[in-house]
Protein backbone atom coordinates (compact mmCIF):
# COMPACT_ATOMS: atom_id res chain seq x y z
CA UNK A 1 80.78 -0.44 -134.77
CA UNK A 2 81.04 1.70 -137.91
CA UNK A 3 82.41 0.21 -141.09
CA UNK A 4 85.29 1.89 -142.93
CA UNK A 5 84.44 5.44 -143.92
CA UNK A 6 80.85 4.66 -142.99
CA UNK A 7 78.49 7.58 -142.81
CA UNK A 8 75.12 8.01 -141.19
CA UNK A 9 73.42 7.20 -144.49
CA UNK A 10 75.21 3.83 -144.83
CA UNK A 11 77.76 4.76 -147.46
CA UNK A 12 81.14 3.11 -147.05
CA UNK A 13 84.53 2.26 -148.24
CA UNK A 14 86.93 2.24 -151.12
CA UNK A 15 88.71 -1.02 -152.04
CA UNK A 16 90.91 -2.47 -149.34
CA UNK A 17 94.68 -2.11 -149.47
CA UNK A 18 97.30 -4.71 -148.65
CA UNK A 19 98.77 -4.81 -145.14
CA UNK A 20 102.25 -5.53 -143.85
CA UNK A 21 102.68 -8.50 -141.45
CA UNK A 22 103.01 -6.24 -138.39
CA UNK A 23 99.87 -4.34 -139.43
CA UNK A 24 97.88 -7.55 -139.88
CA UNK A 25 99.01 -8.93 -136.52
CA UNK A 26 98.16 -5.68 -134.72
CA UNK A 27 94.72 -5.70 -136.34
CA UNK A 28 94.07 -9.30 -135.31
CA UNK A 29 95.00 -8.52 -131.69
CA UNK A 30 92.82 -5.41 -131.70
CA UNK A 31 89.91 -7.36 -133.12
CA UNK A 32 90.23 -10.00 -130.39
CA UNK A 33 89.50 -7.38 -127.74
CA UNK A 34 86.01 -7.11 -129.26
CA UNK A 35 85.29 -10.63 -130.51
CA UNK A 36 85.27 -14.03 -128.78
CA UNK A 37 86.27 -15.90 -131.91
CA UNK A 38 87.69 -15.12 -135.33
CA UNK A 39 87.77 -17.57 -138.24
CA UNK A 40 90.48 -17.89 -140.85
CA UNK A 41 88.16 -17.17 -143.83
CA UNK A 42 86.70 -14.11 -142.11
CA UNK A 43 90.17 -12.80 -141.25
CA UNK A 44 91.39 -13.38 -144.80
CA UNK A 45 88.54 -11.23 -146.11
CA UNK A 46 88.98 -8.69 -143.31
CA UNK A 47 92.72 -8.33 -143.97
CA UNK A 48 92.49 -8.60 -147.76
CA UNK A 49 94.92 -11.53 -147.86
CA UNK A 50 95.05 -15.30 -148.24
CA UNK A 51 94.06 -17.93 -145.71
CA UNK A 52 97.62 -19.27 -145.76
CA UNK A 53 98.92 -15.83 -144.72
CA UNK A 54 96.31 -15.61 -141.96
CA UNK A 55 97.31 -19.00 -140.58
CA UNK A 56 100.93 -17.88 -140.54
CA UNK A 57 100.00 -14.72 -138.63
CA UNK A 58 97.94 -16.72 -136.13
CA UNK A 59 100.85 -19.09 -135.56
CA UNK A 60 103.17 -16.15 -134.79
CA UNK A 61 100.67 -14.67 -132.32
CA UNK A 62 99.89 -18.04 -130.71
CA UNK A 63 103.59 -18.76 -130.23
CA UNK A 64 103.86 -15.43 -128.41
CA UNK A 65 100.96 -16.46 -126.16
CA UNK A 66 98.68 -13.65 -127.38
CA UNK A 67 95.81 -15.77 -128.68
CA UNK A 68 94.60 -19.38 -128.68
CA UNK A 69 94.51 -21.39 -131.89
CA UNK A 70 91.32 -23.35 -132.42
CA UNK A 71 90.11 -25.39 -135.34
CA UNK A 72 89.49 -23.01 -138.21
CA UNK A 73 90.54 -19.83 -136.42
CA UNK A 74 91.55 -18.30 -133.10
CA UNK A 75 90.15 -17.21 -129.75
CA UNK A 76 91.10 -14.51 -127.32
CA UNK A 77 93.38 -15.80 -124.58
CA UNK A 78 90.56 -15.11 -122.14
CA UNK A 79 87.74 -16.92 -123.98
CA UNK A 80 86.10 -19.85 -122.25
CA UNK A 81 86.05 -22.65 -124.81
CA UNK A 82 86.22 -25.91 -122.88
CA UNK A 83 86.65 -28.30 -125.78
CA UNK A 84 88.92 -26.27 -128.00
CA UNK A 85 86.02 -25.17 -130.17
CA UNK A 86 84.80 -21.60 -130.57
CA UNK A 87 82.19 -20.49 -128.08
CA UNK A 88 80.58 -18.09 -130.55
CA UNK A 89 80.57 -18.32 -134.33
CA UNK A 90 82.13 -15.38 -136.10
CA UNK A 91 80.40 -13.76 -139.03
CA UNK A 92 81.54 -11.11 -141.43
CA UNK A 93 79.90 -7.81 -142.10
CA UNK A 94 79.10 -7.08 -145.70
CA UNK A 95 81.44 -4.73 -147.47
CA UNK A 96 79.91 -1.28 -147.89
CA UNK A 97 79.72 0.98 -150.90
CA UNK A 98 82.33 3.70 -151.38
CA UNK A 99 81.95 7.06 -149.74
CA UNK A 100 84.61 8.46 -152.01
CA UNK A 101 86.61 6.44 -154.48
CA UNK A 102 89.83 8.33 -153.83
CA UNK A 103 90.02 7.74 -150.06
CA UNK A 104 92.12 5.13 -148.30
CA UNK A 105 90.37 2.63 -146.10
CA UNK A 106 90.60 0.00 -143.41
CA UNK A 107 88.54 -3.19 -143.55
CA UNK A 108 85.18 -3.82 -141.95
CA UNK A 109 85.66 -6.05 -138.93
CA UNK A 110 84.03 -9.45 -138.61
CA UNK A 111 81.25 -9.27 -136.07
CA UNK A 112 80.28 -11.72 -133.37
CA UNK A 113 79.40 -11.59 -129.70
CA UNK A 114 81.45 -8.76 -128.17
CA UNK A 115 84.15 -10.01 -125.84
CA UNK A 116 84.37 -6.84 -123.79
CA UNK A 117 82.60 -3.56 -123.35
CA UNK A 118 83.17 -0.70 -120.93
CA UNK A 119 80.41 -1.75 -118.52
CA UNK A 120 81.67 -5.34 -118.43
CA UNK A 121 85.24 -4.20 -117.76
CA UNK A 122 84.12 -1.88 -114.96
CA UNK A 123 82.02 -4.67 -113.42
CA UNK A 124 85.06 -6.96 -113.55
CA UNK A 125 87.18 -4.27 -111.93
CA UNK A 126 84.68 -3.95 -109.09
CA UNK A 127 84.50 -7.67 -108.37
CA UNK A 128 88.19 -8.63 -108.45
CA UNK A 129 89.19 -6.72 -105.34
CA UNK A 130 87.33 -4.87 -102.58
CA UNK A 131 87.57 -1.14 -103.19
CA UNK A 132 87.78 1.62 -100.65
CA UNK A 133 86.41 5.15 -101.03
CA UNK A 134 89.68 6.42 -102.51
CA UNK A 135 89.62 3.68 -105.17
CA UNK A 136 86.05 4.51 -106.08
CA UNK A 137 86.83 8.21 -106.31
CA UNK A 138 89.83 7.54 -108.54
CA UNK A 139 87.94 5.15 -110.79
CA UNK A 140 84.75 7.25 -110.77
CA UNK A 141 82.71 4.07 -110.40
CA UNK A 142 79.26 5.00 -109.21
CA UNK A 143 79.86 8.68 -109.97
CA UNK A 144 77.51 10.08 -112.64
CA UNK A 145 79.19 10.36 -116.03
CA UNK A 146 79.42 13.81 -117.62
CA UNK A 147 76.04 14.48 -119.20
CA UNK A 148 75.58 16.85 -122.12
CA UNK A 149 72.50 19.00 -121.43
CA UNK A 150 69.44 17.86 -123.31
CA UNK A 151 68.24 20.21 -126.03
CA UNK A 152 65.49 20.11 -128.61
CA UNK A 153 65.64 17.59 -131.43
CA UNK A 154 65.59 19.95 -134.39
CA UNK A 155 68.09 19.12 -137.13
CA UNK A 156 71.10 21.28 -136.26
CA UNK A 157 73.45 19.95 -138.89
CA UNK A 158 76.23 17.41 -139.17
CA UNK A 159 79.30 16.70 -137.03
CA UNK A 160 82.13 14.93 -138.84
CA UNK A 161 84.30 12.33 -137.10
CA UNK A 162 87.65 11.00 -138.35
CA UNK A 163 89.26 8.38 -136.12
CA UNK A 164 91.68 5.51 -136.75
CA UNK A 165 90.37 1.96 -136.92
CA UNK A 166 90.74 -0.72 -135.79
CA UNK A 167 91.70 0.12 -132.25
CA UNK A 168 90.96 -0.62 -128.62
CA UNK A 169 89.90 2.89 -127.68
CA UNK A 170 87.98 4.52 -130.51
CA UNK A 171 84.89 2.35 -131.10
CA UNK A 172 83.37 3.32 -127.73
CA UNK A 173 84.33 6.98 -128.25
CA UNK A 174 82.68 7.02 -131.68
CA UNK A 175 79.52 5.33 -130.40
CA UNK A 176 79.26 7.72 -127.43
CA UNK A 177 79.66 10.84 -129.59
CA UNK A 178 77.13 9.50 -132.08
CA UNK A 179 74.57 8.79 -129.34
CA UNK A 180 74.97 12.09 -127.50
CA UNK A 181 75.06 14.17 -130.70
CA UNK A 182 71.80 12.55 -131.84
CA UNK A 183 70.14 13.55 -128.56
CA UNK A 184 71.04 17.16 -129.31
CA UNK A 185 69.75 17.13 -132.87
CA UNK A 186 73.06 16.63 -134.70
CA UNK A 187 73.71 13.99 -137.31
CA UNK A 188 77.12 12.32 -137.52
CA UNK A 189 79.27 11.48 -140.55
CA UNK A 190 82.08 9.03 -139.76
CA UNK A 191 85.31 8.58 -141.66
CA UNK A 192 87.86 5.97 -140.65
CA UNK A 193 91.57 6.60 -141.11
CA UNK A 194 94.44 4.36 -140.06
CA UNK A 195 97.44 4.32 -137.77
CA UNK A 196 99.50 3.72 -140.90
CA UNK A 197 100.73 6.05 -143.66
CA UNK A 198 97.67 6.95 -145.71
CA UNK A 199 96.53 10.23 -147.26
CA UNK A 200 94.27 11.53 -144.55
CA UNK A 201 93.81 14.86 -146.31
CA UNK A 202 91.89 12.96 -148.99
CA UNK A 203 89.66 11.46 -146.30
CA UNK A 204 89.10 14.92 -144.83
CA UNK A 205 88.29 16.24 -148.31
CA UNK A 206 85.20 14.04 -148.38
CA UNK A 207 83.65 16.20 -145.66
CA UNK A 208 83.49 19.00 -148.25
CA UNK A 209 80.49 17.37 -149.89
CA UNK A 210 78.56 16.96 -146.62
CA UNK A 211 75.64 19.44 -146.48
CA UNK A 212 75.32 21.59 -143.36
CA UNK A 213 78.58 20.40 -141.81
CA UNK A 214 79.01 22.29 -138.53
CA UNK A 215 82.32 20.94 -137.22
CA UNK A 216 84.78 18.05 -137.14
CA UNK A 217 86.35 15.95 -134.37
CA UNK A 218 89.50 14.29 -135.70
CA UNK A 219 92.47 12.22 -134.58
CA UNK A 220 95.10 12.86 -137.27
CA UNK A 221 98.01 10.56 -137.97
CA UNK A 222 101.12 10.70 -135.80
CA UNK A 223 103.30 9.70 -138.77
CA UNK A 224 105.36 12.74 -139.75
CA UNK A 225 105.45 11.94 -143.46
CA UNK A 226 101.65 12.13 -143.76
CA UNK A 227 100.62 14.31 -140.82
CA UNK A 228 101.83 17.57 -142.40
CA UNK A 229 99.15 17.32 -145.08
CA UNK A 230 96.54 16.45 -142.45
CA UNK A 231 97.44 19.42 -140.27
CA UNK A 232 97.52 21.73 -143.29
CA UNK A 233 93.95 20.64 -144.12
CA UNK A 234 92.85 21.16 -140.51
CA UNK A 235 94.48 24.61 -140.41
CA UNK A 236 92.39 25.65 -143.43
CA UNK A 237 89.21 23.83 -142.50
CA UNK A 238 86.02 25.76 -143.32
CA UNK A 239 84.49 24.54 -140.02
CA UNK A 240 85.87 24.27 -136.47
CA UNK A 241 88.00 21.19 -135.75
CA UNK A 242 88.55 19.62 -132.32
CA UNK A 243 91.72 17.52 -132.32
CA UNK A 244 91.48 14.31 -130.30
CA UNK A 245 94.46 12.62 -128.62
CA UNK A 246 97.11 14.49 -130.62
CA UNK A 247 99.30 17.55 -130.02
CA UNK A 248 99.65 19.86 -133.01
CA UNK A 249 103.06 20.47 -134.60
CA UNK A 250 105.33 23.01 -132.95
CA UNK A 251 105.70 24.83 -136.25
CA UNK A 252 101.97 25.47 -136.61
CA UNK A 253 100.76 29.03 -136.05
CA UNK A 254 97.06 28.06 -136.00
CA UNK A 255 95.77 26.68 -132.73
CA UNK A 256 92.85 24.29 -132.45
CA UNK A 257 90.81 23.08 -129.50
CA UNK A 258 92.01 19.67 -128.33
CA UNK A 259 91.11 16.85 -125.96
CA UNK A 260 93.87 14.47 -124.86
CA UNK A 261 94.58 11.80 -122.29
CA UNK A 262 96.93 13.18 -119.65
CA UNK A 263 99.49 10.38 -119.95
CA UNK A 264 102.17 12.18 -117.87
CA UNK A 265 99.79 12.26 -114.91
CA UNK A 266 98.99 8.61 -115.57
CA UNK A 267 102.68 7.81 -115.24
CA UNK A 268 102.71 9.71 -111.94
CA UNK A 269 99.84 7.54 -110.72
CA UNK A 270 101.75 4.40 -111.69
CA UNK A 271 104.93 5.51 -109.91
CA UNK A 272 102.99 6.44 -106.78
CA UNK A 273 101.23 3.07 -106.88
CA UNK A 274 104.56 1.25 -107.02
CA UNK A 275 106.08 3.40 -104.27
CA UNK A 276 103.09 2.99 -101.93
CA UNK A 277 103.65 -0.75 -102.09
CA UNK A 278 107.34 -0.54 -101.30
CA UNK A 279 108.85 -0.81 -104.80
CA UNK A 280 112.00 1.17 -105.49
CA UNK A 281 113.50 -0.68 -108.48
CA UNK A 282 111.08 -0.55 -111.41
CA UNK A 283 111.90 -0.90 -115.11
CA UNK A 284 109.80 -0.02 -118.17
CA UNK A 285 108.99 -1.51 -121.58
CA UNK A 286 107.16 0.23 -124.41
CA UNK A 287 105.62 -0.88 -127.69
CA UNK A 288 105.70 1.67 -130.53
CA UNK A 289 102.30 3.41 -130.64
CA UNK A 290 101.12 6.97 -131.33
CA UNK A 291 101.19 7.69 -127.57
CA UNK A 292 104.21 5.63 -126.49
CA UNK A 293 106.64 8.53 -126.98
CA UNK A 294 104.63 10.73 -124.61
CA UNK A 295 104.42 7.98 -122.00
CA UNK A 296 108.11 7.15 -122.24
CA UNK A 297 109.13 10.81 -122.07
CA UNK A 298 107.03 11.28 -118.93
CA UNK A 299 108.66 8.18 -117.41
CA UNK A 300 112.16 9.55 -118.04
CA UNK A 301 111.22 13.00 -116.70
CA UNK A 302 109.94 11.53 -113.44
CA UNK A 303 112.50 8.74 -112.93
CA UNK A 304 115.72 10.19 -114.35
CA UNK A 305 115.35 13.60 -112.70
CA UNK A 306 113.97 12.58 -109.30
CA UNK A 307 114.73 9.98 -106.65
CA UNK A 308 111.22 8.52 -106.75
CA UNK A 309 112.38 5.22 -108.27
CA UNK A 310 115.50 3.53 -109.53
CA UNK A 311 115.06 2.40 -113.15
CA UNK A 312 117.74 -0.15 -114.16
CA UNK A 313 116.63 -0.30 -117.81
CA UNK A 314 114.05 0.79 -120.40
CA UNK A 315 113.11 -1.14 -123.54
CA UNK A 316 111.21 0.60 -126.31
CA UNK A 317 109.86 -0.35 -129.72
CA UNK A 318 109.25 -3.99 -128.68
CA UNK A 319 106.20 -5.53 -130.37
CA UNK A 320 104.27 -8.06 -128.25
CA UNK A 321 104.71 -10.79 -130.87
CA UNK A 322 108.48 -10.19 -131.04
CA UNK A 323 109.35 -13.29 -129.02
CA UNK A 324 113.06 -12.52 -129.00
CA UNK A 325 112.43 -8.98 -127.75
CA UNK A 326 110.03 -10.21 -125.07
CA UNK A 327 112.54 -12.83 -123.91
CA UNK A 328 115.29 -10.20 -123.74
CA UNK A 329 113.14 -8.04 -121.45
CA UNK A 330 112.30 -11.02 -119.24
CA UNK A 331 115.91 -12.21 -118.98
CA UNK A 332 117.07 -8.69 -118.11
CA UNK A 333 114.34 -8.45 -115.49
CA UNK A 334 115.28 -11.76 -113.88
CA UNK A 335 118.99 -10.91 -113.86
CA UNK A 336 118.41 -7.53 -112.18
CA UNK A 337 116.99 -6.36 -108.87
CA UNK A 338 113.80 -5.15 -110.55
CA UNK A 339 110.60 -5.83 -108.60
CA UNK A 340 108.15 -4.16 -110.98
CA UNK A 341 107.53 -3.23 -114.62
CA UNK A 342 105.54 -0.40 -116.21
CA UNK A 343 104.45 -1.72 -119.61
CA UNK A 344 102.77 -0.18 -122.65
CA UNK A 345 100.79 -1.63 -124.34
CA UNK A 346 98.38 -4.30 -123.04
CA UNK A 347 99.49 -7.10 -125.29
CA UNK A 348 103.15 -6.52 -124.46
CA UNK A 349 102.17 -6.74 -120.77
CA UNK A 350 100.35 -10.02 -121.45
CA UNK A 351 103.31 -11.42 -123.37
CA UNK A 352 105.75 -10.43 -120.61
CA UNK A 353 103.56 -11.89 -117.84
CA UNK A 354 103.28 -15.19 -119.68
CA UNK A 355 106.99 -15.33 -120.44
CA UNK A 356 107.87 -14.56 -116.83
CA UNK A 357 105.69 -17.43 -115.69
CA UNK A 358 107.38 -19.77 -118.15
CA UNK A 359 110.65 -18.80 -116.44
CA UNK A 360 109.16 -19.63 -113.04
CA UNK A 361 108.45 -16.03 -112.02
CA UNK A 362 104.93 -15.27 -110.83
CA UNK A 363 102.97 -12.04 -111.22
CA UNK A 364 102.75 -10.33 -108.78
CA UNK A 365 104.50 -12.49 -106.19
CA UNK A 366 107.88 -12.17 -107.93
CA UNK A 367 107.39 -9.35 -110.45
CA UNK A 368 104.69 -6.69 -110.30
CA UNK A 369 103.21 -5.17 -113.47
CA UNK A 370 101.18 -2.08 -114.35
CA UNK A 371 99.86 -1.98 -117.92
CA UNK A 372 99.15 1.28 -119.75
CA UNK A 373 95.92 0.92 -121.77
CA UNK A 374 93.80 -1.61 -119.92
CA UNK A 375 91.52 -2.80 -122.73
CA UNK A 376 92.83 -6.30 -123.48
CA UNK A 377 94.05 -7.45 -120.07
CA UNK A 378 90.61 -8.11 -118.49
CA UNK A 379 90.08 -10.89 -121.05
CA UNK A 380 93.25 -12.72 -120.10
CA UNK A 381 94.62 -11.91 -116.67
CA UNK A 382 93.94 -9.32 -113.96
CA UNK A 383 96.65 -6.69 -114.42
CA UNK A 384 96.54 -3.32 -112.71
CA UNK A 385 96.01 -0.79 -115.50
CA UNK A 386 96.04 2.84 -116.48
CA UNK A 387 93.05 3.32 -118.77
CA UNK A 388 91.78 6.37 -120.65
CA UNK A 389 88.14 7.02 -119.68
CA UNK A 390 86.33 6.57 -123.00
CA UNK A 391 82.92 7.98 -122.07
CA UNK A 392 84.34 11.10 -120.47
CA UNK A 393 86.75 11.55 -123.37
CA UNK A 394 83.90 11.38 -125.89
CA UNK A 395 81.77 13.81 -123.88
CA UNK A 396 84.61 16.34 -123.67
CA UNK A 397 85.25 16.11 -127.43
CA UNK A 398 81.61 16.82 -128.21
CA UNK A 399 81.25 19.49 -125.51
CA UNK A 400 84.38 21.26 -126.75
CA UNK A 401 83.10 21.38 -130.34
CA UNK A 402 79.68 22.67 -129.25
CA UNK A 403 81.39 25.28 -127.07
CA UNK A 404 83.49 26.41 -130.06
CA UNK A 405 80.36 26.79 -132.21
CA UNK A 406 78.95 29.13 -129.57
CA UNK A 407 82.26 31.00 -128.98
CA UNK A 408 84.00 31.22 -132.38
CA UNK A 409 86.32 34.07 -131.36
CA UNK A 410 87.53 32.79 -128.01
CA UNK A 411 91.09 31.41 -127.54
CA UNK A 412 91.66 27.72 -128.13
CA UNK A 413 91.01 25.35 -125.25
CA UNK A 414 93.06 22.24 -124.49
CA UNK A 415 91.40 19.66 -122.27
CA UNK A 416 93.51 17.01 -120.49
CA UNK A 417 91.77 14.00 -118.99
CA UNK A 418 93.61 11.90 -116.43
CA UNK A 419 93.61 8.14 -117.04
CA UNK A 420 92.17 5.96 -114.31
CA UNK A 421 94.44 3.70 -112.33
CA UNK A 422 92.45 0.52 -111.73
CA UNK A 423 93.96 -1.77 -109.12
CA UNK A 424 93.49 -5.40 -110.11
CA UNK A 425 96.10 -6.67 -107.69
CA UNK A 426 99.13 -7.15 -109.96
CA UNK A 427 101.37 -4.95 -107.79
CA UNK A 428 102.46 -6.79 -104.66
CA UNK A 429 103.38 -5.08 -101.38
CA UNK A 430 107.02 -5.63 -100.47
CA UNK A 431 109.22 -4.69 -97.53
CA UNK A 432 111.41 -1.60 -97.41
């Protein structure tokens, strides 16, 4: 996994900044989708804070049921320590040198044995339940992945990448683009931004010193107070830019190629999955993320304006470690006639499932759940998920940029990729 602002020549980051409690806790949860074990000293260095602060964060997350405290650190809720000790020691990557002293950064993650990867998740998905031909077609398991045609290995220049870290989704996308670009003779320069409010235009400025830069694939911030500067930079970029997983502002009069997950169609898949199993009263709960607004809007469009489902309530902006918020959702669920929940994101789904069980309600026998994301849940419990296909997403980003280099005057293209609905059995069949 690349280190902050790491480039293909090994240069890296500016000094770390301080993080708010919610930021730190989100970063710890994200890290635990990729690591079996994290230690307090490693996290303190990773988060640029004290060990006392780290222990406080771990206590909050453990109380919410989102990780397991062990001596000296924490484990993913799905790790298999039998004696309460870590199964794999965690180490810390060395801090890298600065790519540019004026750019913001995120910390280099501690490294250990990866907890999950795409192949492992897909193998788990195949073994939990028997799959029929329709399932296989929907999941694309066994279907060849999109392959970028092989070309000669002459040095064709540099492709710049700017993606937020840490995250569940982007590490695999970055690695896939890097691998496929190298096969085609392109080098890759990677810059890491953040989901938080940082000056991304300064990060993008560092691409100006990259020799033979051919194009950029970027996921700009969704925060309005910083995104305007990012979009202004992209609008005046000297090279083509493919925008990943973001829609450009309505006020913009410059249109860029884009590749996005088709979350509205994912919501359709979830609703159909509930309906096929007899559910008619389904509620929803959403954590605040860059894509939650799109998902929630699609939910309201389909539920409020059709008779597909009855939705007694919707909660939004609930963080998975907000124990009071989680309890409020659970109590409302128990007191209503709801038989199912659509939940975004993974860790909120995990928190809700655990809280429901503490109240004597089983998943899926009493309450069914579909989680939107699908990256953390395989490590803890088998929840049916909507998951963006990382390999296909990466291939489309790279293909779109290469297409633009060959067709500079053609209209912009906008690629939408449907998420996969992977049935892990957390939606029960009920009577009419």
